[in-house]
Amino acid sequence: MSETSAQRTVVVANTQGFHARPAHLFVKLAMSYKCKVQIRKGNQVIDGKSILDLLTLGAGNGTQLQLQATGADAEEAVEALAQLVEGGFGELNENGHEPAAN
């Protein structure tokens, strides 16, 4: 029996990209799944469950990333993580823009 794998390409939507808060949210969500999670940016592949790897990835706004997972819950993990990234890590309003500063 082979392991389930899933992948999906996403674009970083929030203005500041993978800074500390989004990286924490991503790792926290990724750790809730048993599967192995990786992120590919060009030729670079990192561990999606490592906050240090995420912070050094250099994924700013508009960066295209490929989410990859291998394991029993790979499809669920990729879907949830893709929604997190594409939703701007909760930093975007309903119009897909960051709220204006007060």
PDB file of N, CA and C in Angstrom:
ATOM      1  N   MET A   1       0.847  -1.180   0.000  1.00  0.00           N
ATOM      2  CA  MET A   1       0.000   0.000   0.000  1.00  0.00           C
ATOM      3  C   MET A   1       0.889   1.239   0.000  1.00  0.00           C
ATOM      4  N   SER A   2       0.620   2.138  -0.920  1.00  0.00           N
ATOM      5  CA  SER A   2       1.443   3.337  -1.010  1.00  0.00           C
ATOM      6  C   SER A   2       0.822   4.463  -0.189  1.00  0.00           C
ATOM      7  N   GLU A   3       1.677   5.402   0.188  1.00  0.00           N
ATOM      8  CA  GLU A   3       1.215   6.551   0.954  1.00  0.00           C
ATOM      9  C   GLU A   3       0.483   7.533   0.044  1.00  0.00           C
ATOM     10  N   THR A   4      -0.482   8.203   0.617  1.00  0.00           N
ATOM     11  CA  THR A   4      -1.215   9.233  -0.100  1.00  0.00           C
ATOM     12  C   THR A   4      -0.349  10.481  -0.179  1.00  0.00           C
ATOM     13  N   SER A   5      -0.378  11.127  -1.339  1.00  0.00           N
ATOM     14  CA  SER A   5       0.329  12.401  -1.458  1.00  0.00           C
ATOM     15  C   SER A   5      -0.587  13.403  -2.131  1.00  0.00           C
ATOM     16  N   ALA A   6      -0.345  14.667  -1.837  1.00  0.00           N
ATOM     17  CA  ALA A   6      -1.143  15.744  -2.410  1.00  0.00           C
ATOM     18  C   ALA A   6      -0.244  16.950  -2.599  1.00  0.00           C
ATOM     19  N   GLN A   7      -0.589  17.762  -3.576  1.00  0.00           N
ATOM     20  CA  GLN A   7       0.155  19.000  -3.775  1.00  0.00           C
ATOM     21  C   GLN A   7      -0.757  20.051  -4.375  1.00  0.00           C
ATOM     22  N   ARG A   8      -0.406  21.286  -4.133  1.00  0.00           N
ATOM     23  CA  ARG A   8      -1.200  22.399  -4.655  1.00  0.00           C
ATOM     24  C   ARG A   8      -0.321  23.634  -4.710  1.00  0.00           C
ATOM     25  N   THR A   9      -0.474  24.403  -5.774  1.00  0.00           N
ATOM     26  CA  THR A   9       0.263  25.648  -5.923  1.00  0.00           C
ATOM     27  C   THR A   9      -0.589  26.784  -5.385  1.00  0.00           C
ATOM     28  N   VAL A  10       0.027  27.635  -4.567  1.00  0.00           N
ATOM     29  CA  VAL A  10      -0.657  28.781  -3.975  1.00  0.00           C
ATOM     30  C   VAL A  10       0.194  30.030  -4.187  1.00  0.00           C
ATOM     31  N   VAL A  11      -0.435  31.187  -4.031  1.00  0.00           N
ATOM     32  CA  VAL A  11       0.265  32.458  -4.114  1.00  0.00           C
ATOM     33  C   VAL A  11       0.070  33.177  -2.786  1.00  0.00           C
ATOM     34  N   VAL A  12       1.152  33.660  -2.209  1.00  0.00           N
ATOM     35  CA  VAL A  12       1.093  34.383  -0.934  1.00  0.00           C
ATOM     36  C   VAL A  12       0.312  35.677  -1.160  1.00  0.00           C
ATOM     37  N   ALA A  13      -0.801  35.840  -0.431  1.00  0.00           N
ATOM     38  CA  ALA A  13      -1.721  36.943  -0.686  1.00  0.00           C
ATOM     39  C   ALA A  13      -1.512  38.164   0.204  1.00  0.00           C
ATOM     40  N   ASN A  14      -1.019  37.964   1.420  1.00  0.00           N
ATOM     41  CA  ASN A  14      -0.893  39.112   2.315  1.00  0.00           C
ATOM     42  C   ASN A  14       0.336  39.949   1.965  1.00  0.00           C
ATOM     43  N   THR A  15       0.273  41.237   2.233  1.00  0.00           N
ATOM     44  CA  THR A  15       1.305  42.184   1.817  1.00  0.00           C
ATOM     45  C   THR A  15       2.693  41.854   2.355  1.00  0.00           C
ATOM     46  N   GLN A  16       2.771  41.438   3.605  1.00  0.00           N
ATOM     47  CA  GLN A  16       4.077  41.205   4.227  1.00  0.00           C
ATOM     48  C   GLN A  16       4.608  39.792   4.047  1.00  0.00           C
ATOM     49  N   GLY A  17       3.852  38.920   3.413  1.00  0.00           N
ATOM     50  CA  GLY A  17       4.327  37.567   3.166  1.00  0.00           C
ATOM     51  C   GLY A  17       4.462  36.743   4.432  1.00  0.00           C
ATOM     52  N   PHE A  18       5.387  35.788   4.398  1.00  0.00           N
ATOM     53  CA  PHE A  18       5.610  34.879   5.528  1.00  0.00           C
ATOM     54  C   PHE A  18       6.479  35.548   6.580  1.00  0.00           C
ATOM     55  N   HIS A  19       5.896  36.452   7.347  1.00  0.00           N
ATOM     56  CA  HIS A  19       6.614  37.007   8.492  1.00  0.00           C
ATOM     57  C   HIS A  19       6.277  36.139   9.704  1.00  0.00           C
ATOM     58  N   ALA A  20       6.654  36.547  10.898  1.00  0.00           N
ATOM     59  CA  ALA A  20       6.554  35.689  12.079  1.00  0.00           C
ATOM     60  C   ALA A  20       5.140  35.172  12.360  1.00  0.00           C
ATOM     61  N   ARG A  21       4.140  36.029  12.320  1.00  0.00           N
ATOM     62  CA  ARG A  21       2.778  35.595  12.655  1.00  0.00           C
ATOM     63  C   ARG A  21       2.251  34.560  11.662  1.00  0.00           C
ATOM     64  N   PRO A  22       2.292  34.825  10.354  1.00  0.00           N
ATOM     65  CA  PRO A  22       1.828  33.800   9.413  1.00  0.00           C
ATOM     66  C   PRO A  22       2.632  32.507   9.495  1.00  0.00           C
ATOM     67  N   ALA A  23       3.928  32.608   9.701  1.00  0.00           N
ATOM     68  CA  ALA A  23       4.748  31.403   9.818  1.00  0.00           C
ATOM     69  C   ALA A  23       4.299  30.576  11.016  1.00  0.00           C
ATOM     70  N   HIS A  24       4.017  31.239  12.124  1.00  0.00           N
ATOM     71  CA  HIS A  24       3.534  30.536  13.323  1.00  0.00           C
ATOM     72  C   HIS A  24       2.198  29.849  13.036  1.00  0.00           C
ATOM     73  N   LEU A  25       1.276  30.569  12.389  1.00  0.00           N
ATOM     74  CA  LEU A  25      -0.032  29.992  12.071  1.00  0.00           C
ATOM     75  C   LEU A  25       0.099  28.788  11.143  1.00  0.00           C
ATOM     76  N   PHE A  26       0.977  28.903  10.148  1.00  0.00           N
ATOM     77  CA  PHE A  26       1.175  27.818   9.195  1.00  0.00           C
ATOM     78  C   PHE A  26       1.726  26.580   9.902  1.00  0.00           C
ATOM     79  N   VAL A  27       2.772  26.767  10.701  1.00  0.00           N
ATOM     80  CA  VAL A  27       3.390  25.632  11.397  1.00  0.00           C
ATOM     81  C   VAL A  27       2.414  25.002  12.384  1.00  0.00           C
ATOM     82  N   LYS A  28       1.676  25.828  13.099  1.00  0.00           N
ATOM     83  CA  LYS A  28       0.700  25.305  14.063  1.00  0.00           C
ATOM     84  C   LYS A  28      -0.328  24.426  13.351  1.00  0.00           C
ATOM     85  N   LEU A  29      -0.828  24.889  12.210  1.00  0.00           N
ATOM     86  CA  LEU A  29      -1.796  24.097  11.445  1.00  0.00           C
ATOM     87  C   LEU A  29      -1.140  22.844  10.862  1.00  0.00           C
ATOM     88  N   ALA A  30       0.036  22.980  10.295  1.00  0.00           N
ATOM     89  CA  ALA A  30       0.738  21.838   9.703  1.00  0.00           C
ATOM     90  C   ALA A  30       1.009  20.755  10.750  1.00  0.00           C
ATOM     91  N   MET A  31       1.349  21.181  11.967  1.00  0.00           N
ATOM     92  CA  MET A  31       1.652  20.218  13.038  1.00  0.00           C
ATOM     93  C   MET A  31       0.410  19.452  13.493  1.00  0.00           C
ATOM     94  N   SER A  32      -0.771  19.957  13.169  1.00  0.00           N
ATOM     95  CA  SER A  32      -1.991  19.263  13.572  1.00  0.00           C
ATOM     96  C   SER A  32      -2.287  18.055  12.666  1.00  0.00           C
ATOM     97  N   TYR A  33      -1.490  17.885  11.624  1.00  0.00           N
ATOM     98  CA  TYR A  33      -1.635  16.745  10.714  1.00  0.00           C
ATOM     99  C   TYR A  33      -0.460  15.791  10.899  1.00  0.00           C
ATOM    100  N   LYS A  34      -0.703  14.523  10.665  1.00  0.00           N
ATOM    101  CA  LYS A  34       0.340  13.507  10.824  1.00  0.00           C
ATOM    102  C   LYS A  34       1.279  13.435   9.626  1.00  0.00           C
ATOM    103  N   CYS A  35       0.817  13.883   8.470  1.00  0.00           N
ATOM    104  CA  CYS A  35       1.600  13.752   7.238  1.00  0.00           C
ATOM    105  C   CYS A  35       2.839  14.653   7.245  1.00  0.00           C
ATOM    106  N   LYS A  36       3.739  14.336   6.350  1.00  0.00           N
ATOM    107  CA  LYS A  36       4.922  15.160   6.123  1.00  0.00           C
ATOM    108  C   LYS A  36       4.495  16.328   5.230  1.00  0.00           C
ATOM    109  N   VAL A  37       4.874  17.547   5.610  1.00  0.00           N
ATOM    110  CA  VAL A  37       4.504  18.738   4.852  1.00  0.00           C
ATOM    111  C   VAL A  37       5.769  19.433   4.368  1.00  0.00           C
ATOM    112  N   GLN A  38       5.815  19.718   3.078  1.00  0.00           N
ATOM    113  CA  GLN A  38       6.940  20.441   2.505  1.00  0.00           C
ATOM    114  C   GLN A  38       6.422  21.596   1.662  1.00  0.00           C
ATOM    115  N   ILE A  39       7.263  22.612   1.524  1.00  0.00           N
ATOM    116  CA  ILE A  39       6.949  23.755   0.671  1.00  0.00           C
ATOM    117  C   ILE A  39       8.081  23.898  -0.327  1.00  0.00           C
ATOM    118  N   ARG A  40       7.702  24.039  -1.596  1.00  0.00           N
ATOM    119  CA  ARG A  40       8.687  24.237  -2.663  1.00  0.00           C
ATOM    120  C   ARG A  40       8.552  25.657  -3.190  1.00  0.00           C
ATOM    121  N   LYS A  41       9.691  26.340  -3.240  1.00  0.00           N
ATOM    122  CA  LYS A  41       9.783  27.672  -3.852  1.00  0.00           C
ATOM    123  C   LYS A  41      10.932  27.591  -4.847  1.00  0.00           C
ATOM    124  N   GLY A  42      10.587  27.509  -6.119  1.00  0.00           N
ATOM    125  CA  GLY A  42      11.623  27.305  -7.131  1.00  0.00           C
ATOM    126  C   GLY A  42      12.301  25.974  -6.904  1.00  0.00           C
ATOM    127  N   ASN A  43      13.615  25.980  -6.757  1.00  0.00           N
ATOM    128  CA  ASN A  43      14.372  24.750  -6.506  1.00  0.00           C
ATOM    129  C   ASN A  43      14.553  24.458  -5.020  1.00  0.00           C
ATOM    130  N   GLN A  44      14.068  25.352  -4.168  1.00  0.00           N
ATOM    131  CA  GLN A  44      14.228  25.211  -2.722  1.00  0.00           C
ATOM    132  C   GLN A  44      13.042  24.447  -2.143  1.00  0.00           C
ATOM    133  N   VAL A  45      13.322  23.433  -1.321  1.00  0.00           N
ATOM    134  CA  VAL A  45      12.286  22.661  -0.645  1.00  0.00           C
ATOM    135  C   VAL A  45      12.563  22.720   0.855  1.00  0.00           C
ATOM    136  N   ILE A  46      11.528  23.120   1.617  1.00  0.00           N
ATOM    137  CA  ILE A  46      11.701  23.235   3.069  1.00  0.00           C
ATOM    138  C   ILE A  46      10.672  22.385   3.799  1.00  0.00           C
ATOM    139  N   ASP A  47      10.930  22.167   5.074  1.00  0.00           N
ATOM    140  CA  ASP A  47      10.021  21.458   5.964  1.00  0.00           C
ATOM    141  C   ASP A  47       8.917  22.429   6.382  1.00  0.00           C
ATOM    142  N   GLY A  48       7.673  22.120   6.031  1.00  0.00           N
ATOM    143  CA  GLY A  48       6.549  22.979   6.352  1.00  0.00           C
ATOM    144  C   GLY A  48       6.170  22.988   7.819  1.00  0.00           C
ATOM    145  N   LYS A  49       6.837  22.168   8.615  1.00  0.00           N
ATOM    146  CA  LYS A  49       6.575  22.141  10.053  1.00  0.00           C
ATOM    147  C   LYS A  49       7.709  22.805  10.830  1.00  0.00           C
ATOM    148  N   SER A  50       8.594  23.509  10.133  1.00  0.00           N
ATOM    149  CA  SER A  50       9.722  24.199  10.759  1.00  0.00           C
ATOM    150  C   SER A  50       9.559  25.707  10.608  1.00  0.00           C
ATOM    151  N   ILE A  51       9.351  26.397  11.715  1.00  0.00           N
ATOM    152  CA  ILE A  51       9.170  27.845  11.649  1.00  0.00           C
ATOM    153  C   ILE A  51      10.440  28.529  11.154  1.00  0.00           C
ATOM    154  N   LEU A  52      11.586  28.009  11.527  1.00  0.00           N
ATOM    155  CA  LEU A  52      12.848  28.588  11.065  1.00  0.00           C
ATOM    156  C   LEU A  52      12.970  28.480   9.544  1.00  0.00           C
ATOM    157  N   ASP A  53      12.631  27.322   9.000  1.00  0.00           N
ATOM    158  CA  ASP A  53      12.667  27.147   7.542  1.00  0.00           C
ATOM    159  C   ASP A  53      11.725  28.144   6.862  1.00  0.00           C
ATOM    160  N   LEU A  54      10.524  28.304   7.413  1.00  0.00           N
ATOM    161  CA  LEU A  54       9.558  29.233   6.827  1.00  0.00           C
ATOM    162  C   LEU A  54      10.055  30.673   6.863  1.00  0.00           C
ATOM    163  N   LEU A  55      10.629  31.071   7.975  1.00  0.00           N
ATOM    164  CA  LEU A  55      11.095  32.454   8.109  1.00  0.00           C
ATOM    165  C   LEU A  55      12.276  32.760   7.197  1.00  0.00           C
ATOM    166  N   THR A  56      13.046  31.749   6.853  1.00  0.00           N
ATOM    167  CA  THR A  56      14.195  31.964   5.965  1.00  0.00           C
ATOM    168  C   THR A  56      13.862  31.702   4.501  1.00  0.00           C
ATOM    169  N   LEU A  57      12.628  31.355   4.217  1.00  0.00           N
ATOM    170  CA  LEU A  57      12.213  31.050   2.849  1.00  0.00           C
ATOM    171  C   LEU A  57      12.186  32.296   1.967  1.00  0.00           C
ATOM    172  N   GLY A  58      11.890  33.442   2.545  1.00  0.00           N
ATOM    173  CA  GLY A  58      11.823  34.667   1.746  1.00  0.00           C
ATOM    174  C   GLY A  58      10.623  34.686   0.828  1.00  0.00           C
ATOM    175  N   ALA A  59       9.458  34.316   1.361  1.00  0.00           N
ATOM    176  CA  ALA A  59       8.239  34.276   0.560  1.00  0.00           C
ATOM    177  C   ALA A  59       7.414  35.532   0.825  1.00  0.00           C
ATOM    178  N   GLY A  60       7.605  36.538   0.002  1.00  0.00           N
ATOM    179  CA  GLY A  60       6.858  37.780   0.125  1.00  0.00           C
ATOM    180  C   GLY A  60       5.557  37.729  -0.651  1.00  0.00           C
ATOM    181  N   ASN A  61       4.859  38.846  -0.650  1.00  0.00           N
ATOM    182  CA  ASN A  61       3.592  38.972  -1.364  1.00  0.00           C
ATOM    183  C   ASN A  61       3.781  38.592  -2.824  1.00  0.00           C
ATOM    184  N   GLY A  62       2.865  37.761  -3.328  1.00  0.00           N
ATOM    185  CA  GLY A  62       2.893  37.356  -4.725  1.00  0.00           C
ATOM    186  C   GLY A  62       3.787  36.163  -5.025  1.00  0.00           C
ATOM    187  N   THR A  63       4.495  35.663  -4.011  1.00  0.00           N
ATOM    188  CA  THR A  63       5.365  34.504  -4.217  1.00  0.00           C
ATOM    189  C   THR A  63       4.527  33.258  -4.465  1.00  0.00           C
ATOM    190  N   GLN A  64       4.906  32.503  -5.483  1.00  0.00           N
ATOM    191  CA  GLN A  64       4.231  31.253  -5.795  1.00  0.00           C
ATOM    192  C   GLN A  64       4.936  30.124  -5.051  1.00  0.00           C
ATOM    193  N   LEU A  65       4.162  29.345  -4.318  1.00  0.00           N
ATOM    194  CA  LEU A  65       4.682  28.226  -3.544  1.00  0.00           C
ATOM    195  C   LEU A  65       3.912  26.963  -3.898  1.00  0.00           C
ATOM    196  N   GLN A  66       4.596  25.842  -3.834  1.00  0.00           N
ATOM    197  CA  GLN A  66       3.917  24.570  -4.029  1.00  0.00           C
ATOM    198  C   GLN A  66       3.894  23.842  -2.685  1.00  0.00           C
ATOM    199  N   LEU A  67       2.694  23.590  -2.192  1.00  0.00           N
ATOM    200  CA  LEU A  67       2.526  22.845  -0.955  1.00  0.00           C
ATOM    201  C   LEU A  67       2.474  21.368  -1.307  1.00  0.00           C
ATOM    202  N   GLN A  68       3.244  20.565  -0.581  1.00  0.00           N
ATOM    203  CA  GLN A  68       3.295  19.132  -0.827  1.00  0.00           C
ATOM    204  C   GLN A  68       3.154  18.404   0.494  1.00  0.00           C
ATOM    205  N   ALA A  69       2.380  17.335   0.499  1.00  0.00           N
ATOM    206  CA  ALA A  69       2.228  16.536   1.711  1.00  0.00           C
ATOM    207  C   ALA A  69       2.191  15.065   1.342  1.00  0.00           C
ATOM    208  N   THR A  70       2.719  14.244   2.245  1.00  0.00           N
ATOM    209  CA  THR A  70       2.737  12.797   2.053  1.00  0.00           C
ATOM    210  C   THR A  70       2.335  12.137   3.364  1.00  0.00           C
ATOM    211  N   GLY A  71       1.324  11.291   3.292  1.00  0.00           N
ATOM    212  CA  GLY A  71       0.841  10.596   4.481  1.00  0.00           C
ATOM    213  C   GLY A  71      -0.660  10.421   4.413  1.00  0.00           C
ATOM    214  N   ALA A  72      -1.199   9.793   5.429  1.00  0.00           N
ATOM    215  CA  ALA A  72      -2.620   9.441   5.440  1.00  0.00           C
ATOM    216  C   ALA A  72      -3.550  10.639   5.303  1.00  0.00           C
ATOM    217  N   ASP A  73      -3.201  11.764   5.896  1.00  0.00           N
ATOM    218  CA  ASP A  73      -4.080  12.936   5.865  1.00  0.00           C
ATOM    219  C   ASP A  73      -3.528  14.049   4.964  1.00  0.00           C
ATOM    220  N   ALA A  74      -2.779  13.669   3.947  1.00  0.00           N
ATOM    221  CA  ALA A  74      -2.108  14.636   3.070  1.00  0.00           C
ATOM    222  C   ALA A  74      -3.086  15.564   2.355  1.00  0.00           C
ATOM    223  N   GLU A  75      -4.151  15.015   1.819  1.00  0.00           N
ATOM    224  CA  GLU A  75      -5.099  15.843   1.066  1.00  0.00           C
ATOM    225  C   GLU A  75      -5.756  16.889   1.955  1.00  0.00           C
ATOM    226  N   GLU A  76      -6.152  16.490   3.149  1.00  0.00           N
ATOM    227  CA  GLU A  76      -6.776  17.425   4.088  1.00  0.00           C
ATOM    228  C   GLU A  76      -5.795  18.514   4.499  1.00  0.00           C
ATOM    229  N   ALA A  77      -4.546  18.126   4.736  1.00  0.00           N
ATOM    230  CA  ALA A  77      -3.527  19.087   5.151  1.00  0.00           C
ATOM    231  C   ALA A  77      -3.266  20.118   4.064  1.00  0.00           C
ATOM    232  N   VAL A  78      -3.086  19.664   2.839  1.00  0.00           N
ATOM    233  CA  VAL A  78      -2.814  20.589   1.738  1.00  0.00           C
ATOM    234  C   VAL A  78      -3.977  21.548   1.542  1.00  0.00           C
ATOM    235  N   GLU A  79      -5.190  21.050   1.612  1.00  0.00           N
ATOM    236  CA  GLU A  79      -6.369  21.910   1.440  1.00  0.00           C
ATOM    237  C   GLU A  79      -6.430  22.979   2.533  1.00  0.00           C
ATOM    238  N   ALA A  80      -6.262  22.588   3.778  1.00  0.00           N
ATOM    239  CA  ALA A  80      -6.337  23.541   4.890  1.00  0.00           C
ATOM    240  C   ALA A  80      -5.208  24.568   4.827  1.00  0.00           C
ATOM    241  N   LEU A  81      -3.994  24.111   4.526  1.00  0.00           N
ATOM    242  CA  LEU A  81      -2.849  25.021   4.449  1.00  0.00           C
ATOM    243  C   LEU A  81      -2.981  25.973   3.265  1.00  0.00           C
ATOM    244  N   ALA A  82      -3.495  25.481   2.149  1.00  0.00           N
ATOM    245  CA  ALA A  82      -3.710  26.336   0.979  1.00  0.00           C
ATOM    246  C   ALA A  82      -4.719  27.430   1.299  1.00  0.00           C
ATOM    247  N   GLN A  83      -5.792  27.078   1.988  1.00  0.00           N
ATOM    248  CA  GLN A  83      -6.790  28.081   2.366  1.00  0.00           C
ATOM    249  C   GLN A  83      -6.190  29.135   3.281  1.00  0.00           C
ATOM    250  N   LEU A  84      -5.319  28.717   4.187  1.00  0.00           N
ATOM    251  CA  LEU A  84      -4.666  29.659   5.094  1.00  0.00           C
ATOM    252  C   LEU A  84      -3.809  30.656   4.314  1.00  0.00           C
ATOM    253  N   VAL A  85      -2.986  30.147   3.391  1.00  0.00           N
ATOM    254  CA  VAL A  85      -2.096  31.016   2.601  1.00  0.00           C
ATOM    255  C   VAL A  85      -2.905  31.921   1.679  1.00  0.00           C
ATOM    256  N   GLU A  86      -3.839  31.347   0.937  1.00  0.00           N
ATOM    257  CA  GLU A  86      -4.623  32.120  -0.024  1.00  0.00           C
ATOM    258  C   GLU A  86      -5.544  33.123   0.658  1.00  0.00           C
ATOM    259  N   GLY A  87      -5.897  32.863   1.907  1.00  0.00           N
ATOM    260  CA  GLY A  87      -6.732  33.779   2.678  1.00  0.00           C
ATOM    261  C   GLY A  87      -5.936  34.874   3.354  1.00  0.00           C
ATOM    262  N   GLY A  88      -4.645  34.927   3.090  1.00  0.00           N
ATOM    263  CA  GLY A  88      -3.811  35.978   3.663  1.00  0.00           C
ATOM    264  C   GLY A  88      -3.544  35.809   5.145  1.00  0.00           C
ATOM    265  N   PHE A  89      -3.644  34.592   5.658  1.00  0.00           N
ATOM    266  CA  PHE A  89      -3.361  34.291   7.069  1.00  0.00           C
ATOM    267  C   PHE A  89      -4.261  35.079   8.009  1.00  0.00           C
ATOM    268  N   GLY A  90      -5.475  35.382   7.558  1.00  0.00           N
ATOM    269  CA  GLY A  90      -6.406  36.137   8.385  1.00  0.00           C
ATOM    270  C   GLY A  90      -6.120  37.627   8.427  1.00  0.00           C
ATOM    271  N   GLU A  91      -5.181  38.080   7.593  1.00  0.00           N
ATOM    272  CA  GLU A  91      -4.798  39.493   7.580  1.00  0.00           C
ATOM    273  C   GLU A  91      -5.546  40.290   6.521  1.00  0.00           C
ATOM    274  N   LEU A  92      -6.420  39.641   5.752  1.00  0.00           N
ATOM    275  CA  LEU A  92      -7.152  40.325   4.694  1.00  0.00           C
ATOM    276  C   LEU A  92      -8.623  40.464   5.079  1.00  0.00           C
ATOM    277  N   ASN A  93      -9.260  41.537   4.634  1.00  0.00           N
ATOM    278  CA  ASN A  93     -10.689  41.701   4.887  1.00  0.00           C
ATOM    279  C   ASN A  93     -11.480  40.949   3.815  1.00  0.00           C
ATOM    280  N   GLU A  94     -12.790  41.071   3.835  1.00  0.00           N
ATOM    281  CA  GLU A  94     -13.631  40.316   2.906  1.00  0.00           C
ATOM    282  C   GLU A  94     -13.417  40.687   1.449  1.00  0.00           C
ATOM    283  N   ASN A  95     -12.807  41.843   1.177  1.00  0.00           N
ATOM    284  CA  ASN A  95     -12.516  42.270  -0.195  1.00  0.00           C
ATOM    285  C   ASN A  95     -11.158  41.776  -0.680  1.00  0.00           C
ATOM    286  N   GLY A  96     -10.443  41.032   0.172  1.00  0.00           N
ATOM    287  CA  GLY A  96      -9.132  40.520  -0.213  1.00  0.00           C
ATOM    288  C   GLY A  96      -8.019  41.528  -0.041  1.00  0.00           C
ATOM    289  N   HIS A  97      -8.277  42.567   0.765  1.00  0.00           N
ATOM    290  CA  HIS A  97      -7.260  43.593   1.030  1.00  0.00           C
ATOM    291  C   HIS A  97      -6.989  43.670   2.506  1.00  0.00           C
ATOM    292  N   GLU A  98      -5.805  44.149   2.864  1.00  0.00           N
ATOM    293  CA  GLU A  98      -5.505  44.341   4.271  1.00  0.00           C
ATOM    294  C   GLU A  98      -6.280  45.544   4.780  1.00  0.00           C
ATOM    295  N   PRO A  99      -6.776  45.483   6.017  1.00  0.00           N
ATOM    296  CA  PRO A  99      -7.523  46.617   6.570  1.00  0.00           C
ATOM    297  C   PRO A  99      -6.652  47.867   6.618  1.00  0.00           C
ATOM    298  N   ALA A 100      -7.268  49.013   6.395  1.00  0.00           N
ATOM    299  CA  ALA A 100      -6.543  50.284   6.452  1.00  0.00           C
ATOM    300  C   ALA A 100      -6.106  50.556   7.887  1.00  0.00           C
ATOM    301  N   ALA A 101      -4.906  51.124   8.037  1.00  0.00           N
ATOM    302  CA  ALA A 101      -4.403  51.483   9.362  1.00  0.00           C
ATOM    303  C   ALA A 101      -5.198  52.661   9.894  1.00  0.00           C
ATOM    304  N   ASN A 102      -5.411  52.670  11.187  1.00  0.00           N
ATOM    305  CA  ASN A 102      -6.164  53.777  11.807  1.00  0.00           C
ATOM    306  C   ASN A 102      -5.266  54.963  12.047  1.00  0.00           C
TER     307      ASN A 102
END
